[in-house]
Amino acid sequence: MRDATQSTPADQHADDAEVRPTWPAVLRGFSRRCPECGRGQLFEGYLKVTDHCPVCRADLHHHRADDGPAYLTILVVGHLMAPLLLFVFERFRPEPMVTATIFVVGTLALSLYLLPRLKGVVVAIQWAKRMHGFGQA
């Protein structure tokens, strides 16, 4: 069993690396900016992450966001829209087609707004935690 005062080479390497604060990176990612400098655009288009930050030249091609942003978007939108739908139905009793139209449009708009921002958050967390190659020199 290892003593708490002993450290492994991996622990020493982690101590030598500069600390990357997570919350500023998350806020930069949510604003679709580079998690390192906060000035460069994170995306080339709607969801394609740039290979390098145009301002600070940080490597961003290491990210592995995959389906995480989509699942987070579904989670957030579902938890916002379901109680709102229940409230509107109980309080105002609108016609079914009016309710469906309003909530379909609202759900699509909120989903399209949140998806790139949550992808930026996922990429920023990976950058801050040095995941998937972001910690390599």
C-alpha atoms as a PDB file:
ATOM      1  CA  MET A   1       0.000   0.000   0.000  1.00  0.00           C
ATOM      2  CA  ARG A   2       1.319   3.408  -0.938  1.00  0.00           C
ATOM      3  CA  ASP A   3       1.999   6.084   1.653  1.00  0.00           C
ATOM      4  CA  ALA A   4       0.137   9.370   1.167  1.00  0.00           C
ATOM      5  CA  THR A   5       3.438  11.279   1.241  1.00  0.00           C
ATOM      6  CA  GLN A   6       4.863   9.323  -1.691  1.00  0.00           C
ATOM      7  CA  SER A   7       4.119  10.599  -5.164  1.00  0.00           C
ATOM      8  CA  THR A   8       4.226   8.897  -8.510  1.00  0.00           C
ATOM      9  CA  PRO A   9       5.739  10.388 -11.667  1.00  0.00           C
ATOM     10  CA  ALA A  10       2.200  11.004 -12.925  1.00  0.00           C
ATOM     11  CA  ASP A  11       1.411  13.020  -9.777  1.00  0.00           C
ATOM     12  CA  GLN A  12       4.595  15.048 -10.195  1.00  0.00           C
ATOM     13  CA  HIS A  13       3.726  15.701 -13.849  1.00  0.00           C
ATOM     14  CA  ALA A  14       0.249  16.908 -12.851  1.00  0.00           C
ATOM     15  CA  ASP A  15       1.765  19.222 -10.219  1.00  0.00           C
ATOM     16  CA  ASP A  16       4.217  20.674 -12.744  1.00  0.00           C
ATOM     17  CA  ALA A  17       1.513  21.532 -15.258  1.00  0.00           C
ATOM     18  CA  GLU A  18      -0.164  24.891 -14.980  1.00  0.00           C
ATOM     19  CA  VAL A  19      -3.662  24.847 -13.530  1.00  0.00           C
ATOM     20  CA  ARG A  20      -6.445  25.523 -15.979  1.00  0.00           C
ATOM     21  CA  PRO A  21      -9.437  27.048 -14.178  1.00  0.00           C
ATOM     22  CA  THR A  22     -12.634  25.291 -15.197  1.00  0.00           C
ATOM     23  CA  TRP A  23     -15.325  27.937 -14.691  1.00  0.00           C
ATOM     24  CA  PRO A  24     -13.755  30.675 -16.837  1.00  0.00           C
ATOM     25  CA  ALA A  25     -13.241  28.061 -19.561  1.00  0.00           C
ATOM     26  CA  VAL A  26     -16.877  26.938 -19.255  1.00  0.00           C
ATOM     27  CA  LEU A  27     -18.105  30.531 -19.585  1.00  0.00           C
ATOM     28  CA  ARG A  28     -15.886  31.044 -22.632  1.00  0.00           C
ATOM     29  CA  GLY A  29     -17.155  27.810 -24.136  1.00  0.00           C
ATOM     30  CA  PHE A  30     -20.774  28.826 -23.536  1.00  0.00           C
ATOM     31  CA  SER A  31     -20.092  32.075 -25.390  1.00  0.00           C
ATOM     32  CA  ARG A  32     -18.585  29.990 -28.234  1.00  0.00           C
ATOM     33  CA  ARG A  33     -15.088  31.377 -27.679  1.00  0.00           C
ATOM     34  CA  CYS A  34     -11.706  29.685 -27.327  1.00  0.00           C
ATOM     35  CA  PRO A  35     -11.424  28.188 -23.836  1.00  0.00           C
ATOM     36  CA  GLU A  36      -7.783  29.297 -23.563  1.00  0.00           C
ATOM     37  CA  CYS A  37      -7.822  32.954 -24.604  1.00  0.00           C
ATOM     38  CA  GLY A  38     -11.534  33.777 -24.756  1.00  0.00           C
ATOM     39  CA  ARG A  39     -11.103  35.916 -27.864  1.00  0.00           C
ATOM     40  CA  GLY A  40     -11.023  33.526 -30.827  1.00  0.00           C
ATOM     41  CA  GLN A  41     -14.065  31.806 -32.295  1.00  0.00           C
ATOM     42  CA  LEU A  42     -14.475  28.187 -31.191  1.00  0.00           C
ATOM     43  CA  PHE A  43     -16.554  27.151 -34.210  1.00  0.00           C
ATOM     44  CA  GLU A  44     -16.033  27.449 -37.952  1.00  0.00           C
ATOM     45  CA  GLY A  45     -19.737  27.052 -38.643  1.00  0.00           C
ATOM     46  CA  TYR A  46     -22.702  26.071 -36.521  1.00  0.00           C
ATOM     47  CA  LEU A  47     -21.085  23.064 -34.779  1.00  0.00           C
ATOM     48  CA  LYS A  48     -17.672  22.416 -36.396  1.00  0.00           C
ATOM     49  CA  VAL A  49     -14.899  23.136 -33.898  1.00  0.00           C
ATOM     50  CA  THR A  50     -11.875  24.879 -35.393  1.00  0.00           C
ATOM     51  CA  ASP A  51      -8.600  22.959 -35.418  1.00  0.00           C
ATOM     52  CA  HIS A  52      -6.696  25.940 -33.982  1.00  0.00           C
ATOM     53  CA  CYS A  53      -7.804  29.138 -32.285  1.00  0.00           C
ATOM     54  CA  PRO A  54      -7.368  31.989 -34.800  1.00  0.00           C
ATOM     55  CA  VAL A  55      -6.067  34.298 -32.035  1.00  0.00           C
ATOM     56  CA  CYS A  56      -3.866  32.262 -29.662  1.00  0.00           C
ATOM     57  CA  ARG A  57      -3.262  29.260 -31.984  1.00  0.00           C
ATOM     58  CA  ALA A  58      -4.322  26.775 -29.260  1.00  0.00           C
ATOM     59  CA  ASP A  59      -4.944  23.262 -30.581  1.00  0.00           C
ATOM     60  CA  LEU A  60      -8.654  22.497 -30.363  1.00  0.00           C
ATOM     61  CA  HIS A  61      -8.806  19.450 -32.619  1.00  0.00           C
ATOM     62  CA  HIS A  62      -8.381  17.109 -29.632  1.00  0.00           C
ATOM     63  CA  HIS A  63     -11.994  17.458 -28.506  1.00  0.00           C
ATOM     64  CA  ARG A  64     -14.289  14.457 -28.325  1.00  0.00           C
ATOM     65  CA  ALA A  65     -17.699  16.025 -27.763  1.00  0.00           C
ATOM     66  CA  ASP A  66     -19.541  13.275 -29.691  1.00  0.00           C
ATOM     67  CA  ASP A  67     -23.188  13.032 -28.536  1.00  0.00           C
ATOM     68  CA  GLY A  68     -22.727  14.740 -25.161  1.00  0.00           C
ATOM     69  CA  PRO A  69     -23.957  18.196 -26.242  1.00  0.00           C
ATOM     70  CA  ALA A  70     -27.064  16.718 -27.859  1.00  0.00           C
ATOM     71  CA  TYR A  71     -27.919  14.759 -24.702  1.00  0.00           C
ATOM     72  CA  LEU A  72     -27.345  17.832 -22.547  1.00  0.00           C
ATOM     73  CA  THR A  73     -29.544  19.905 -24.856  1.00  0.00           C
ATOM     74  CA  ILE A  74     -32.358  17.360 -24.627  1.00  0.00           C
ATOM     75  CA  LEU A  75     -31.980  17.262 -20.842  1.00  0.00           C
ATOM     76  CA  VAL A  76     -32.080  21.045 -20.403  1.00  0.00           C
ATOM     77  CA  VAL A  77     -34.846  21.717 -22.935  1.00  0.00           C
ATOM     78  CA  GLY A  78     -36.977  18.881 -21.584  1.00  0.00           C
ATOM     79  CA  HIS A  79     -36.628  20.094 -18.009  1.00  0.00           C
ATOM     80  CA  LEU A  80     -37.581  23.636 -19.029  1.00  0.00           C
ATOM     81  CA  MET A  81     -40.399  22.888 -21.444  1.00  0.00           C
ATOM     82  CA  ALA A  82     -42.225  20.108 -19.558  1.00  0.00           C
ATOM     83  CA  PRO A  83     -43.059  22.197 -16.455  1.00  0.00           C
ATOM     84  CA  LEU A  84     -43.846  25.174 -18.674  1.00  0.00           C
ATOM     85  CA  LEU A  85     -46.231  23.056 -20.741  1.00  0.00           C
ATOM     86  CA  LEU A  86     -47.945  21.811 -17.597  1.00  0.00           C
ATOM     87  CA  PHE A  87     -48.235  25.338 -16.221  1.00  0.00           C
ATOM     88  CA  VAL A  88     -49.678  26.753 -19.472  1.00  0.00           C
ATOM     89  CA  PHE A  89     -52.124  23.880 -19.817  1.00  0.00           C
ATOM     90  CA  GLU A  90     -53.365  24.131 -16.211  1.00  0.00           C
ATOM     91  CA  ARG A  91     -53.518  27.907 -16.093  1.00  0.00           C
ATOM     92  CA  PHE A  92     -54.755  28.960 -19.557  1.00  0.00           C
ATOM     93  CA  ARG A  93     -56.237  25.830 -21.228  1.00  0.00           C
ATOM     94  CA  PRO A  94     -55.317  26.855 -24.806  1.00  0.00           C
ATOM     95  CA  GLU A  95     -56.493  24.927 -27.856  1.00  0.00           C
ATOM     96  CA  PRO A  96     -54.403  21.805 -28.560  1.00  0.00           C
ATOM     97  CA  MET A  97     -53.117  23.036 -31.944  1.00  0.00           C
ATOM     98  CA  VAL A  98     -52.139  26.398 -30.476  1.00  0.00           C
ATOM     99  CA  THR A  99     -50.316  24.676 -27.624  1.00  0.00           C
ATOM    100  CA  ALA A 100     -48.557  22.248 -29.968  1.00  0.00           C
ATOM    101  CA  THR A 101     -47.500  25.007 -32.354  1.00  0.00           C
ATOM    102  CA  ILE A 102     -46.146  27.265 -29.633  1.00  0.00           C
ATOM    103  CA  PHE A 103     -44.266  24.506 -27.834  1.00  0.00           C
ATOM    104  CA  VAL A 104     -42.835  22.929 -31.002  1.00  0.00           C
ATOM    105  CA  VAL A 105     -41.495  26.294 -32.147  1.00  0.00           C
ATOM    106  CA  GLY A 106     -40.224  27.113 -28.642  1.00  0.00           C
ATOM    107  CA  THR A 107     -38.563  23.719 -28.260  1.00  0.00           C
ATOM    108  CA  LEU A 108     -36.849  23.959 -31.647  1.00  0.00           C
ATOM    109  CA  ALA A 109     -35.673  27.518 -31.031  1.00  0.00           C
ATOM    110  CA  LEU A 110     -34.311  26.717 -27.572  1.00  0.00           C
ATOM    111  CA  SER A 111     -32.623  23.559 -28.850  1.00  0.00           C
ATOM    112  CA  LEU A 112     -30.960  25.373 -31.750  1.00  0.00           C
ATOM    113  CA  TYR A 113     -29.802  28.130 -29.390  1.00  0.00           C
ATOM    114  CA  LEU A 114     -28.393  25.793 -26.725  1.00  0.00           C
ATOM    115  CA  LEU A 115     -26.748  23.084 -28.852  1.00  0.00           C
ATOM    116  CA  PRO A 116     -23.623  25.029 -29.966  1.00  0.00           C
ATOM    117  CA  ARG A 117     -23.277  26.638 -26.548  1.00  0.00           C
ATOM    118  CA  LEU A 118     -23.389  23.307 -24.735  1.00  0.00           C
ATOM    119  CA  LYS A 119     -20.924  21.860 -27.234  1.00  0.00           C
ATOM    120  CA  GLY A 120     -18.635  24.779 -26.374  1.00  0.00           C
ATOM    121  CA  VAL A 121     -19.049  23.926 -22.684  1.00  0.00           C
ATOM    122  CA  VAL A 122     -18.141  20.267 -23.292  1.00  0.00           C
ATOM    123  CA  VAL A 123     -15.043  21.241 -25.310  1.00  0.00           C
ATOM    124  CA  ALA A 124     -14.042  23.783 -22.642  1.00  0.00           C
ATOM    125  CA  ILE A 125     -14.345  21.212 -19.841  1.00  0.00           C
ATOM    126  CA  GLN A 126     -12.203  18.790 -21.836  1.00  0.00           C
ATOM    127  CA  TRP A 127      -9.613  21.538 -22.362  1.00  0.00           C
ATOM    128  CA  ALA A 128      -9.615  22.565 -18.676  1.00  0.00           C
ATOM    129  CA  LYS A 129      -9.297  18.976 -17.434  1.00  0.00           C
ATOM    130  CA  ARG A 130      -6.640  18.128 -20.070  1.00  0.00           C
ATOM    131  CA  MET A 131      -8.721  15.312 -21.504  1.00  0.00           C
ATOM    132  CA  HIS A 132      -8.239  13.571 -24.866  1.00  0.00           C
ATOM    133  CA  GLY A 133      -4.847  15.085 -25.679  1.00  0.00           C
ATOM    134  CA  PHE A 134      -5.428  18.671 -24.524  1.00  0.00           C
ATOM    135  CA  GLY A 135      -2.720  18.252 -21.871  1.00  0.00           C
ATOM    136  CA  GLN A 136       0.054  17.210 -24.259  1.00  0.00           C
ATOM    137  CA  ALA A 137       2.783  19.653 -25.134  1.00  0.00           C
END
